[in-house]
Amino acid sequence: MTDGERRILRALVGMCEQCISHNGELDHMAMTAGENAVAVLTDYGLVTSIPRGGKWTEAGEALLNSRFSN
């Protein structure tokens, strides 16, 4: 992943955690923007797909935790 992709994904991860995270899972609530965000994160291996959203993978958790450094 490029530095640019990492910056964009960190922002997306942060927004998903803030806006659609419930009990450690991402619930897109059938909203197109949430569905698209979960799809992108799934493509990068940051979440695994579950009904109505996704669940953070180890890589996703690591990126989620790294958004406060550098």
PDB file of N, CA and C in Angstrom:
ATOM      1  N   MET A   1       0.852  -1.166   0.000  1.00  0.00           N
ATOM      2  CA  MET A   1       0.000   0.000   0.000  1.00  0.00           C
ATOM      3  C   MET A   1       0.901   1.233   0.000  1.00  0.00           C
ATOM      4  N   THR A   2       0.519   2.195  -0.794  1.00  0.00           N
ATOM      5  CA  THR A   2       1.300   3.433  -0.874  1.00  0.00           C
ATOM      6  C   THR A   2       1.031   4.311   0.353  1.00  0.00           C
ATOM      7  N   ASP A   3       1.885   5.308   0.543  1.00  0.00           N
ATOM      8  CA  ASP A   3       1.670   6.252   1.641  1.00  0.00           C
ATOM      9  C   ASP A   3       0.346   6.982   1.485  1.00  0.00           C
ATOM     10  N   GLY A   4       0.005   7.326   0.243  1.00  0.00           N
ATOM     11  CA  GLY A   4      -1.266   8.000  -0.008  1.00  0.00           C
ATOM     12  C   GLY A   4      -2.458   7.128   0.341  1.00  0.00           C
ATOM     13  N   GLU A   5      -2.393   5.854  -0.045  1.00  0.00           N
ATOM     14  CA  GLU A   5      -3.476   4.923   0.302  1.00  0.00           C
ATOM     15  C   GLU A   5      -3.593   4.785   1.815  1.00  0.00           C
ATOM     16  N   ARG A   6      -2.451   4.679   2.486  1.00  0.00           N
ATOM     17  CA  ARG A   6      -2.468   4.545   3.951  1.00  0.00           C
ATOM     18  C   ARG A   6      -3.137   5.754   4.596  1.00  0.00           C
ATOM     19  N   ARG A   7      -2.834   6.952   4.115  1.00  0.00           N
ATOM     20  CA  ARG A   7      -3.447   8.169   4.681  1.00  0.00           C
ATOM     21  C   ARG A   7      -4.952   8.168   4.467  1.00  0.00           C
ATOM     22  N   ILE A   8      -5.381   7.821   3.262  1.00  0.00           N
ATOM     23  CA  ILE A   8      -6.816   7.785   2.959  1.00  0.00           C
ATOM     24  C   ILE A   8      -7.509   6.717   3.792  1.00  0.00           C
ATOM     25  N   LEU A   9      -6.909   5.545   3.880  1.00  0.00           N
ATOM     26  CA  LEU A   9      -7.522   4.451   4.642  1.00  0.00           C
ATOM     27  C   LEU A   9      -7.576   4.764   6.130  1.00  0.00           C
ATOM     28  N   ARG A  10      -6.547   5.433   6.655  1.00  0.00           N
ATOM     29  CA  ARG A  10      -6.592   5.824   8.070  1.00  0.00           C
ATOM     30  C   ARG A  10      -7.789   6.737   8.329  1.00  0.00           C
ATOM     31  N   ALA A  11      -8.018   7.679   7.419  1.00  0.00           N
ATOM     32  CA  ALA A  11      -9.162   8.582   7.572  1.00  0.00           C
ATOM     33  C   ALA A  11     -10.474   7.810   7.479  1.00  0.00           C
ATOM     34  N   LEU A  12     -10.571   6.899   6.530  1.00  0.00           N
ATOM     35  CA  LEU A  12     -11.788   6.103   6.365  1.00  0.00           C
ATOM     36  C   LEU A  12     -12.034   5.216   7.574  1.00  0.00           C
ATOM     37  N   VAL A  13     -10.977   4.606   8.068  1.00  0.00           N
ATOM     38  CA  VAL A  13     -11.090   3.759   9.264  1.00  0.00           C
ATOM     39  C   VAL A  13     -11.593   4.592  10.448  1.00  0.00           C
ATOM     40  N   GLY A  14     -11.024   5.774  10.613  1.00  0.00           N
ATOM     41  CA  GLY A  14     -11.448   6.640  11.712  1.00  0.00           C
ATOM     42  C   GLY A  14     -12.903   7.051  11.603  1.00  0.00           C
ATOM     43  N   MET A  15     -13.334   7.408  10.401  1.00  0.00           N
ATOM     44  CA  MET A  15     -14.732   7.798  10.212  1.00  0.00           C
ATOM     45  C   MET A  15     -15.669   6.620  10.433  1.00  0.00           C
ATOM     46  N   CYS A  16     -15.286   5.449   9.955  1.00  0.00           N
ATOM     47  CA  CYS A  16     -16.135   4.269  10.163  1.00  0.00           C
ATOM     48  C   CYS A  16     -16.232   3.943  11.652  1.00  0.00           C
ATOM     49  N   GLU A  17     -15.123   4.022  12.348  1.00  0.00           N
ATOM     50  CA  GLU A  17     -15.136   3.750  13.788  1.00  0.00           C
ATOM     51  C   GLU A  17     -16.045   4.747  14.505  1.00  0.00           C
ATOM     52  N   GLN A  18     -16.003   6.000  14.088  1.00  0.00           N
ATOM     53  CA  GLN A  18     -16.792   7.042  14.725  1.00  0.00           C
ATOM     54  C   GLN A  18     -18.275   6.969  14.358  1.00  0.00           C
ATOM     55  N   CYS A  19     -18.572   6.649  13.096  1.00  0.00           N
ATOM     56  CA  CYS A  19     -19.941   6.802  12.600  1.00  0.00           C
ATOM     57  C   CYS A  19     -20.749   5.519  12.484  1.00  0.00           C
ATOM     58  N   ILE A  20     -20.106   4.386  12.195  1.00  0.00           N
ATOM     59  CA  ILE A  20     -20.902   3.177  11.975  1.00  0.00           C
ATOM     60  C   ILE A  20     -20.450   1.990  12.822  1.00  0.00           C
ATOM     61  N   SER A  21     -19.613   2.248  13.824  1.00  0.00           N
ATOM     62  CA  SER A  21     -19.135   1.164  14.679  1.00  0.00           C
ATOM     63  C   SER A  21     -20.103   0.951  15.844  1.00  0.00           C
ATOM     64  N   HIS A  22     -20.467  -0.307  16.044  1.00  0.00           N
ATOM     65  CA  HIS A  22     -21.350  -0.682  17.147  1.00  0.00           C
ATOM     66  C   HIS A  22     -20.870  -2.014  17.708  1.00  0.00           C
ATOM     67  N   ASN A  23     -20.455  -2.001  18.975  1.00  0.00           N
ATOM     68  CA  ASN A  23     -20.012  -3.230  19.637  1.00  0.00           C
ATOM     69  C   ASN A  23     -18.904  -3.941  18.873  1.00  0.00           C
ATOM     70  N   GLY A  24     -17.946  -3.182  18.350  1.00  0.00           N
ATOM     71  CA  GLY A  24     -16.806  -3.757  17.662  1.00  0.00           C
ATOM     72  C   GLY A  24     -17.060  -4.193  16.234  1.00  0.00           C
ATOM     73  N   GLU A  25     -18.262  -3.950  15.733  1.00  0.00           N
ATOM     74  CA  GLU A  25     -18.588  -4.295  14.348  1.00  0.00           C
ATOM     75  C   GLU A  25     -19.029  -3.039  13.622  1.00  0.00           C
ATOM     76  N   LEU A  26     -18.876  -3.052  12.303  1.00  0.00           N
ATOM     77  CA  LEU A  26     -19.317  -1.937  11.482  1.00  0.00           C
ATOM     78  C   LEU A  26     -20.685  -2.269  10.910  1.00  0.00           C
ATOM     79  N   ASP A  27     -21.668  -1.443  11.214  1.00  0.00           N
ATOM     80  CA  ASP A  27     -23.032  -1.622  10.714  1.00  0.00           C
ATOM     81  C   ASP A  27     -23.329  -0.469   9.780  1.00  0.00           C
ATOM     82  N   HIS A  28     -23.365  -0.754   8.478  1.00  0.00           N
ATOM     83  CA  HIS A  28     -23.564   0.321   7.501  1.00  0.00           C
ATOM     84  C   HIS A  28     -25.015   0.794   7.443  1.00  0.00           C
ATOM     85  N   MET A  29     -25.906   0.142   8.169  1.00  0.00           N
ATOM     86  CA  MET A  29     -27.299   0.550   8.285  1.00  0.00           C
ATOM     87  C   MET A  29     -27.965   0.712   6.915  1.00  0.00           C
ATOM     88  N   ALA A  30     -27.508  -0.070   5.940  1.00  0.00           N
ATOM     89  CA  ALA A  30     -28.042  -0.072   4.579  1.00  0.00           C
ATOM     90  C   ALA A  30     -27.922   1.287   3.890  1.00  0.00           C
ATOM     91  N   MET A  31     -26.954   2.107   4.333  1.00  0.00           N
ATOM     92  CA  MET A  31     -26.691   3.388   3.684  1.00  0.00           C
ATOM     93  C   MET A  31     -25.584   3.173   2.650  1.00  0.00           C
ATOM     94  N   THR A  32     -25.755   3.728   1.479  1.00  0.00           N
ATOM     95  CA  THR A  32     -24.804   3.522   0.397  1.00  0.00           C
ATOM     96  C   THR A  32     -23.390   3.917   0.786  1.00  0.00           C
ATOM     97  N   ALA A  33     -23.217   5.045   1.437  1.00  0.00           N
ATOM     98  CA  ALA A  33     -21.870   5.487   1.821  1.00  0.00           C
ATOM     99  C   ALA A  33     -21.234   4.478   2.773  1.00  0.00           C
ATOM    100  N   GLY A  34     -22.004   3.973   3.723  1.00  0.00           N
ATOM    101  CA  GLY A  34     -21.485   2.969   4.651  1.00  0.00           C
ATOM    102  C   GLY A  34     -21.166   1.666   3.951  1.00  0.00           C
ATOM    103  N   GLU A  35     -22.042   1.261   3.029  1.00  0.00           N
ATOM    104  CA  GLU A  35     -21.799   0.034   2.255  1.00  0.00           C
ATOM    105  C   GLU A  35     -20.517   0.157   1.452  1.00  0.00           C
ATOM    106  N   ASN A  36     -20.323   1.325   0.809  1.00  0.00           N
ATOM    107  CA  ASN A  36     -19.116   1.545   0.010  1.00  0.00           C
ATOM    108  C   ASN A  36     -17.865   1.572   0.886  1.00  0.00           C
ATOM    109  N   ALA A  37     -17.961   2.203   2.038  1.00  0.00           N
ATOM    110  CA  ALA A  37     -16.816   2.257   2.952  1.00  0.00           C
ATOM    111  C   ALA A  37     -16.418   0.851   3.404  1.00  0.00           C
ATOM    112  N   VAL A  38     -17.398   0.048   3.790  1.00  0.00           N
ATOM    113  CA  VAL A  38     -17.115  -1.325   4.219  1.00  0.00           C
ATOM    114  C   VAL A  38     -16.527  -2.127   3.062  1.00  0.00           C
ATOM    115  N   ALA A  39     -17.024  -1.917   1.851  1.00  0.00           N
ATOM    116  CA  ALA A  39     -16.503  -2.639   0.681  1.00  0.00           C
ATOM    117  C   ALA A  39     -15.033  -2.298   0.441  1.00  0.00           C
ATOM    118  N   VAL A  40     -14.676  -1.022   0.548  1.00  0.00           N
ATOM    119  CA  VAL A  40     -13.280  -0.619   0.360  1.00  0.00           C
ATOM    120  C   VAL A  40     -12.407  -1.237   1.441  1.00  0.00           C
ATOM    121  N   LEU A  41     -12.849  -1.161   2.681  1.00  0.00           N
ATOM    122  CA  LEU A  41     -12.066  -1.728   3.785  1.00  0.00           C
ATOM    123  C   LEU A  41     -11.921  -3.237   3.640  1.00  0.00           C
ATOM    124  N   THR A  42     -12.950  -3.890   3.114  1.00  0.00           N
ATOM    125  CA  THR A  42     -12.880  -5.333   2.856  1.00  0.00           C
ATOM    126  C   THR A  42     -11.862  -5.619   1.754  1.00  0.00           C
ATOM    127  N   ASP A  43     -11.881  -4.815   0.693  1.00  0.00           N
ATOM    128  CA  ASP A  43     -10.924  -4.987  -0.410  1.00  0.00           C
ATOM    129  C   ASP A  43      -9.480  -4.902   0.075  1.00  0.00           C
ATOM    130  N   TYR A  44      -9.230  -4.074   1.070  1.00  0.00           N
ATOM    131  CA  TYR A  44      -7.882  -3.913   1.612  1.00  0.00           C
ATOM    132  C   TYR A  44      -7.590  -4.876   2.769  1.00  0.00           C
ATOM    133  N   GLY A  45      -8.530  -5.762   3.079  1.00  0.00           N
ATOM    134  CA  GLY A  45      -8.305  -6.748   4.132  1.00  0.00           C
ATOM    135  C   GLY A  45      -8.386  -6.184   5.536  1.00  0.00           C
ATOM    136  N   LEU A  46      -9.040  -5.038   5.685  1.00  0.00           N
ATOM    137  CA  LEU A  46      -9.130  -4.401   6.994  1.00  0.00           C
ATOM    138  C   LEU A  46     -10.368  -4.826   7.765  1.00  0.00           C
ATOM    139  N   VAL A  47     -11.363  -5.319   7.073  1.00  0.00           N
ATOM    140  CA  VAL A  47     -12.553  -5.888   7.711  1.00  0.00           C
ATOM    141  C   VAL A  47     -12.951  -7.150   6.957  1.00  0.00           C
ATOM    142  N   THR A  48     -13.671  -8.020   7.640  1.00  0.00           N
ATOM    143  CA  THR A  48     -14.307  -9.156   6.989  1.00  0.00           C
ATOM    144  C   THR A  48     -15.787  -8.838   6.890  1.00  0.00           C
ATOM    145  N   SER A  49     -16.384  -9.274   5.834  1.00  0.00           N
ATOM    146  CA  SER A  49     -17.786  -8.979   5.574  1.00  0.00           C
ATOM    147  C   SER A  49     -18.688  -9.807   6.482  1.00  0.00           C
ATOM    148  N   ILE A  50     -19.677  -9.148   7.045  1.00  0.00           N
ATOM    149  CA  ILE A  50     -20.738  -9.809   7.811  1.00  0.00           C
ATOM    150  C   ILE A  50     -22.053  -9.179   7.353  1.00  0.00           C
ATOM    151  N   PRO A  51     -23.188  -9.819   7.629  1.00  0.00           N
ATOM    152  CA  PRO A  51     -24.454  -9.192   7.240  1.00  0.00           C
ATOM    153  C   PRO A  51     -24.557  -7.762   7.803  1.00  0.00           C
ATOM    154  N   ARG A  52     -24.926  -6.841   6.967  1.00  0.00           N
ATOM    155  CA  ARG A  52     -25.088  -5.415   7.293  1.00  0.00           C
ATOM    156  C   ARG A  52     -23.801  -4.706   7.654  1.00  0.00           C
ATOM    157  N   GLY A  53     -22.633  -5.265   7.320  1.00  0.00           N
ATOM    158  CA  GLY A  53     -21.411  -4.533   7.612  1.00  0.00           C
ATOM    159  C   GLY A  53     -20.161  -5.359   7.590  1.00  0.00           C
ATOM    160  N   GLY A  54     -19.294  -5.125   8.578  1.00  0.00           N
ATOM    161  CA  GLY A  54     -18.029  -5.817   8.638  1.00  0.00           C
ATOM    162  C   GLY A  54     -17.503  -5.900  10.053  1.00  0.00           C
ATOM    163  N   LYS A  55     -16.512  -6.744  10.219  1.00  0.00           N
ATOM    164  CA  LYS A  55     -15.840  -6.918  11.503  1.00  0.00           C
ATOM    165  C   LYS A  55     -14.361  -6.670  11.271  1.00  0.00           C
ATOM    166  N   TRP A  56     -13.722  -5.892  12.144  1.00  0.00           N
ATOM    167  CA  TRP A  56     -12.315  -5.544  11.985  1.00  0.00           C
ATOM    168  C   TRP A  56     -11.443  -6.796  11.974  1.00  0.00           C
ATOM    169  N   THR A  57     -10.472  -6.834  11.050  1.00  0.00           N
ATOM    170  CA  THR A  57      -9.440  -7.872  11.052  1.00  0.00           C
ATOM    171  C   THR A  57      -8.276  -7.367  11.915  1.00  0.00           C
ATOM    172  N   GLU A  58      -7.271  -8.204  12.100  1.00  0.00           N
ATOM    173  CA  GLU A  58      -6.081  -7.754  12.835  1.00  0.00           C
ATOM    174  C   GLU A  58      -5.443  -6.558  12.138  1.00  0.00           C
ATOM    175  N   ALA A  59      -5.380  -6.603  10.809  1.00  0.00           N
ATOM    176  CA  ALA A  59      -4.802  -5.481  10.048  1.00  0.00           C
ATOM    177  C   ALA A  59      -5.639  -4.212  10.235  1.00  0.00           C
ATOM    178  N   GLY A  60      -6.949  -4.372  10.267  1.00  0.00           N
ATOM    179  CA  GLY A  60      -7.825  -3.226  10.490  1.00  0.00           C
ATOM    180  C   GLY A  60      -7.660  -2.646  11.876  1.00  0.00           C
ATOM    181  N   GLU A  61      -7.561  -3.519  12.868  1.00  0.00           N
ATOM    182  CA  GLU A  61      -7.337  -3.061  14.251  1.00  0.00           C
ATOM    183  C   GLU A  61      -6.013  -2.316  14.351  1.00  0.00           C
ATOM    184  N   ALA A  62      -4.982  -2.839  13.671  1.00  0.00           N
ATOM    185  CA  ALA A  62      -3.668  -2.187  13.713  1.00  0.00           C
ATOM    186  C   ALA A  62      -3.734  -0.798  13.081  1.00  0.00           C
ATOM    187  N   LEU A  63      -4.419  -0.683  11.940  1.00  0.00           N
ATOM    188  CA  LEU A  63      -4.542   0.628  11.305  1.00  0.00           C
ATOM    189  C   LEU A  63      -5.398   1.564  12.149  1.00  0.00           C
ATOM    190  N   LEU A  64      -6.433   1.040  12.746  1.00  0.00           N
ATOM    191  CA  LEU A  64      -7.277   1.831  13.640  1.00  0.00           C
ATOM    192  C   LEU A  64      -6.448   2.392  14.789  1.00  0.00           C
ATOM    193  N   ASN A  65      -5.603   1.571  15.371  1.00  0.00           N
ATOM    194  CA  ASN A  65      -4.765   2.020  16.486  1.00  0.00           C
ATOM    195  C   ASN A  65      -3.645   2.944  16.040  1.00  0.00           C
ATOM    196  N   SER A  66      -3.202   2.838  14.780  1.00  0.00           N
ATOM    197  CA  SER A  66      -2.082   3.657  14.300  1.00  0.00           C
ATOM    198  C   SER A  66      -2.513   5.057  13.877  1.00  0.00           C
ATOM    199  N   ARG A  67      -3.790   5.311  13.780  1.00  0.00           N
ATOM    200  CA  ARG A  67      -4.212   6.629  13.253  1.00  0.00           C
ATOM    201  C   ARG A  67      -3.825   7.760  14.184  1.00  0.00           C
ATOM    202  N   PHE A  68      -3.416   7.444  15.412  1.00  0.00           N
ATOM    203  CA  PHE A  68      -3.000   8.490  16.344  1.00  0.00           C
ATOM    204  C   PHE A  68      -1.497   8.704  16.361  1.00  0.00           C
ATOM    205  N   SER A  69      -0.758   7.877  15.603  1.00  0.00           N
ATOM    206  CA  SER A  69       0.684   8.058  15.505  1.00  0.00           C
ATOM    207  C   SER A  69       1.036   8.523  14.110  1.00  0.00           C
ATOM    208  N   ASN A  70       1.986   9.400  14.023  1.00  0.00           N
ATOM    209  CA  ASN A  70       2.430   9.979  12.737  1.00  0.00           C
ATOM    210  C   ASN A  70       1.258  10.455  11.957  1.00  0.00           C
TER     211      ASN A  70
END
